[in-house]
N, C-alpha and C. Protein backbone atom coordinates (compact mmCIF):
# COMPACT_ATOMS: atom_id res chain seq x y z
N MET A 1 106.53 58.13 215.42
CA MET A 1 106.59 56.90 215.90
C MET A 1 107.54 56.66 217.00
N SER A 2 107.01 55.78 217.92
CA SER A 2 107.53 55.68 219.28
C SER A 2 108.45 54.55 219.39
N ALA A 3 109.73 54.79 219.70
CA ALA A 3 110.82 53.66 220.00
C ALA A 3 110.48 52.87 221.40
N LYS A 4 111.08 51.75 221.06
CA LYS A 4 110.47 50.98 222.43
C LYS A 4 110.81 51.66 223.79
N GLY A 5 112.06 52.34 223.75
CA GLY A 5 112.42 52.98 224.69
C GLY A 5 111.44 54.05 225.41
N ASP A 6 110.68 54.39 224.51
CA ASP A 6 109.75 55.60 224.78
C ASP A 6 108.33 55.05 225.25
N ILE A 7 108.14 53.89 225.29
CA ILE A 7 107.04 53.24 225.62
C ILE A 7 106.74 53.64 227.24
N LYS A 8 105.40 53.84 227.41
CA LYS A 8 105.13 54.29 228.85
C LYS A 8 103.88 53.24 229.19
N ILE A 9 103.72 53.18 230.42
CA ILE A 9 102.55 52.28 230.77
C ILE A 9 102.16 53.24 232.17
N GLU A 10 100.62 53.55 232.35
CA GLU A 10 100.24 54.40 233.08
C GLU A 10 99.78 53.54 234.10
N ILE A 11 99.80 53.62 235.44
CA ILE A 11 99.37 52.81 236.39
C ILE A 11 98.41 53.67 237.14
N ARG A 12 96.99 53.03 237.51
CA ARG A 12 96.12 53.73 238.37
C ARG A 12 95.79 52.70 239.54
N ASP A 13 96.29 53.36 240.61
CA ASP A 13 96.06 52.45 241.93
C ASP A 13 94.80 53.17 242.85
N PRO A 14 93.79 52.64 242.89
CA PRO A 14 92.88 53.34 243.87
C PRO A 14 93.07 53.10 245.23
N ALA A 15 93.89 52.21 245.49
CA ALA A 15 94.28 51.95 247.07
C ALA A 15 95.77 52.13 247.11
N PRO A 16 96.63 53.13 247.08
CA PRO A 16 97.86 53.08 247.15
C PRO A 16 98.51 52.36 248.38
N VAL A 17 97.79 52.19 249.76
CA VAL A 17 98.35 51.82 250.73
C VAL A 17 98.25 50.15 250.38
N ALA A 18 97.21 49.55 249.86
CA ALA A 18 97.21 48.36 249.45
C ALA A 18 98.20 47.76 248.61
N ALA A 19 98.80 48.82 247.79
CA ALA A 19 99.56 48.57 246.73
C ALA A 19 100.97 48.05 247.28
N ALA A 20 101.10 48.63 248.59
CA ALA A 20 102.30 48.29 249.31
C ALA A 20 102.39 46.81 249.98
N ALA A 21 101.45 46.29 250.25
CA ALA A 21 101.08 44.85 250.85
C ALA A 21 101.74 43.90 249.49
N PRO A 22 102.79 43.06 249.98
CA PRO A 22 102.94 42.07 249.20
C PRO A 22 101.70 41.09 248.68
N ARG A 23 102.03 40.92 247.34
CA ARG A 23 100.84 40.03 246.81
C ARG A 23 101.48 38.89 245.97
N ARG A 24 100.77 37.82 245.90
CA ARG A 24 101.07 36.69 245.06
C ARG A 24 101.18 36.84 243.38
N VAL A 25 102.35 36.98 242.97
CA VAL A 25 102.30 37.21 241.48
C VAL A 25 102.80 35.97 240.87
N ASP A 26 102.51 35.58 239.79
CA ASP A 26 102.87 34.40 238.99
C ASP A 26 102.54 34.55 237.81
N ILE A 27 103.86 35.01 237.06
CA ILE A 27 103.77 35.17 235.52
C ILE A 27 104.85 34.45 234.86
N ALA A 28 104.31 33.64 233.88
CA ALA A 28 105.47 32.72 233.45
C ALA A 28 106.32 33.30 232.41
N ALA A 29 107.62 32.89 232.28
CA ALA A 29 108.54 33.54 231.24
C ALA A 29 108.03 33.20 229.92
N GLY A 30 108.25 33.99 228.97
CA GLY A 30 107.92 33.83 227.62
C GLY A 30 106.18 34.37 227.42
N THR A 31 105.56 34.56 228.25
CA THR A 31 104.27 35.20 228.12
C THR A 31 104.36 36.43 227.36
N PRO A 32 103.39 36.64 226.31
CA PRO A 32 103.59 38.00 225.59
C PRO A 32 103.11 38.89 226.62
N MET A 33 103.58 39.98 226.31
CA MET A 33 103.65 41.39 227.39
C MET A 33 102.64 41.97 227.62
N ALA A 34 101.45 41.84 226.69
CA ALA A 34 100.16 42.44 226.71
C ALA A 34 99.59 41.38 227.78
N ARG A 35 99.66 40.21 227.65
CA ARG A 35 98.94 39.40 228.44
C ARG A 35 99.53 39.35 229.74
N ALA A 36 100.96 39.54 230.12
CA ALA A 36 101.60 39.50 231.37
C ALA A 36 101.21 40.77 231.85
N LEU A 37 100.78 41.91 231.43
CA LEU A 37 100.46 43.12 232.23
C LEU A 37 99.18 42.93 232.55
N ASN A 38 98.20 42.32 231.85
CA ASN A 38 96.98 41.96 232.03
C ASN A 38 96.93 41.18 233.43
N ALA A 39 97.85 40.06 233.53
CA ALA A 39 97.78 39.21 234.69
C ALA A 39 98.22 40.01 235.91
N PHE A 40 99.41 40.71 235.70
CA PHE A 40 99.67 41.54 236.74
C PHE A 40 98.64 42.27 237.34
N SER A 41 97.78 43.00 236.56
CA SER A 41 96.83 43.90 236.90
C SER A 41 95.78 43.21 237.64
N ALA A 42 95.56 42.06 237.14
CA ALA A 42 94.53 41.07 237.85
C ALA A 42 95.14 40.45 239.18
N GLN A 43 96.24 40.09 239.35
CA GLN A 43 96.92 39.56 240.36
C GLN A 43 97.15 40.72 241.52
N THR A 44 97.42 41.96 241.05
CA THR A 44 97.69 43.07 242.44
C THR A 44 96.66 43.95 242.55
N ASP A 45 95.49 43.97 241.69
CA ASP A 45 94.49 44.85 241.72
C ASP A 45 94.76 46.35 241.36
N ILE A 46 95.76 46.30 240.38
CA ILE A 46 96.02 47.74 240.11
C ILE A 46 96.14 47.80 238.72
N GLU A 47 95.00 48.94 238.18
CA GLU A 47 94.94 49.15 237.00
C GLU A 47 96.04 49.46 235.96
N ILE A 48 96.34 48.88 234.87
CA ILE A 48 97.59 49.33 234.28
C ILE A 48 96.83 49.77 232.60
N LEU A 49 97.26 50.71 232.18
CA LEU A 49 96.76 51.37 230.93
C LEU A 49 97.96 51.57 229.77
N PHE A 50 97.93 50.61 228.76
CA PHE A 50 98.82 50.65 227.66
C PHE A 50 98.17 50.04 226.65
N ASN A 51 98.97 50.59 225.39
CA ASN A 51 98.40 50.37 224.04
C ASN A 51 99.17 49.23 223.74
N PRO A 52 98.18 47.89 223.54
CA PRO A 52 98.77 46.54 223.20
C PRO A 52 99.80 46.72 221.74
N ALA A 53 99.41 47.53 220.99
CA ALA A 53 100.01 47.48 219.87
C ALA A 53 101.72 48.00 219.94
N LEU A 54 102.14 48.57 221.08
CA LEU A 54 103.00 48.96 221.49
C LEU A 54 104.20 47.99 222.04
N VAL A 55 103.29 46.75 222.82
CA VAL A 55 103.98 45.86 223.15
C VAL A 55 104.24 44.57 222.36
N THR A 56 103.58 44.64 221.29
CA THR A 56 103.49 43.51 220.40
C THR A 56 105.01 42.97 220.41
N GLY A 57 105.25 41.71 220.35
CA GLY A 57 106.48 40.88 219.98
C GLY A 57 107.24 41.09 221.40
N LEU A 58 106.99 41.68 222.41
CA LEU A 58 107.58 41.48 223.47
C LEU A 58 107.20 40.47 224.63
N ARG A 59 108.04 39.86 225.07
CA ARG A 59 108.04 38.48 226.03
C ARG A 59 108.32 38.89 227.55
N ALA A 60 107.44 38.47 228.57
CA ALA A 60 107.71 38.81 229.73
C ALA A 60 108.77 37.89 230.24
N PRO A 61 109.65 38.15 231.39
CA PRO A 61 110.36 37.22 231.97
C PRO A 61 109.52 36.84 232.99
N ARG A 62 110.09 35.39 233.60
CA ARG A 62 109.20 35.05 234.83
C ARG A 62 109.10 35.70 236.00
N VAL A 63 108.10 35.98 236.70
CA VAL A 63 107.92 36.90 237.63
C VAL A 63 107.08 35.97 238.72
N ARG A 64 107.61 35.56 239.72
CA ARG A 64 107.00 34.81 240.67
C ARG A 64 107.35 35.02 241.98
N GLY A 65 106.36 35.20 243.01
CA GLY A 65 106.67 35.11 244.34
C GLY A 65 105.62 36.15 245.30
N GLN A 66 106.05 36.29 246.34
CA GLN A 66 105.14 37.08 247.10
C GLN A 66 105.63 38.35 247.25
N LEU A 67 105.18 39.34 246.50
CA LEU A 67 106.07 40.58 245.95
C LEU A 67 105.19 41.88 246.13
N GLU A 68 105.95 42.76 246.64
CA GLU A 68 105.20 44.37 246.57
C GLU A 68 105.14 44.51 245.27
N ALA A 69 103.73 45.22 244.82
CA ALA A 69 103.54 45.32 243.31
C ALA A 69 104.72 46.13 242.62
N ASP A 70 105.11 47.14 243.32
CA ASP A 70 106.17 48.05 242.54
C ASP A 70 107.34 47.01 242.20
N GLU A 71 107.74 46.12 243.12
CA GLU A 71 108.93 45.28 242.89
C GLU A 71 108.44 44.25 241.63
N ALA A 72 107.43 43.85 241.83
CA ALA A 72 106.66 42.81 240.74
C ALA A 72 106.84 43.47 239.36
N LEU A 73 106.35 44.68 239.30
CA LEU A 73 106.21 45.38 238.05
C LEU A 73 107.57 45.76 237.36
N ASP A 74 108.55 46.18 238.39
CA ASP A 74 109.89 46.14 237.90
C ASP A 74 110.63 45.05 237.36
N ARG A 75 110.36 43.97 238.03
CA ARG A 75 110.86 42.79 237.35
C ARG A 75 110.15 42.37 235.85
N LEU A 76 109.11 42.59 235.88
CA LEU A 76 108.21 42.49 234.74
C LEU A 76 108.78 43.21 233.55
N LEU A 77 108.90 44.55 233.82
CA LEU A 77 109.36 45.33 232.75
C LEU A 77 110.94 45.52 232.55
N ALA A 78 112.01 44.76 233.31
CA ALA A 78 112.99 44.84 233.42
C ALA A 78 113.68 44.24 232.01
N GLY A 79 114.23 45.26 231.35
CA GLY A 79 114.87 44.79 230.05
C GLY A 79 114.09 44.90 228.49
N SER A 80 112.95 45.40 228.94
CA SER A 80 111.74 45.38 227.84
C SER A 80 111.70 46.98 227.39
N GLY A 81 112.22 47.76 227.94
CA GLY A 81 112.31 49.19 227.26
C GLY A 81 111.08 49.99 227.74
N LEU A 82 110.28 49.36 228.37
CA LEU A 82 109.01 49.73 228.98
C LEU A 82 109.20 50.56 230.14
N VAL A 83 108.38 51.54 230.48
CA VAL A 83 108.71 52.49 231.73
C VAL A 83 107.31 52.74 232.19
N ALA A 84 107.23 52.46 233.60
CA ALA A 84 105.70 52.67 234.40
C ALA A 84 105.91 54.22 235.02
N PHE A 85 104.75 54.76 234.77
CA PHE A 85 104.70 56.02 235.64
C PHE A 85 103.32 56.13 236.16
């Protein structure tokens, strides 16, 4: 069984150069983490693979602004015990 600190999210970015360009990200505080990760993926065009069962009960902080994808993801995962690789 995996502890929350061991949860990993795999990121697949088909266009690494495009990922560096700031994107408009708007995720509301309290959004269930699975929904927030899917919204992040849709808003940044970066594929994120994760097991929804492992994020059950987690809520996202508010992430809003014109942000580079890595900064937005860092904010989204802050304090959650989730790690992106």
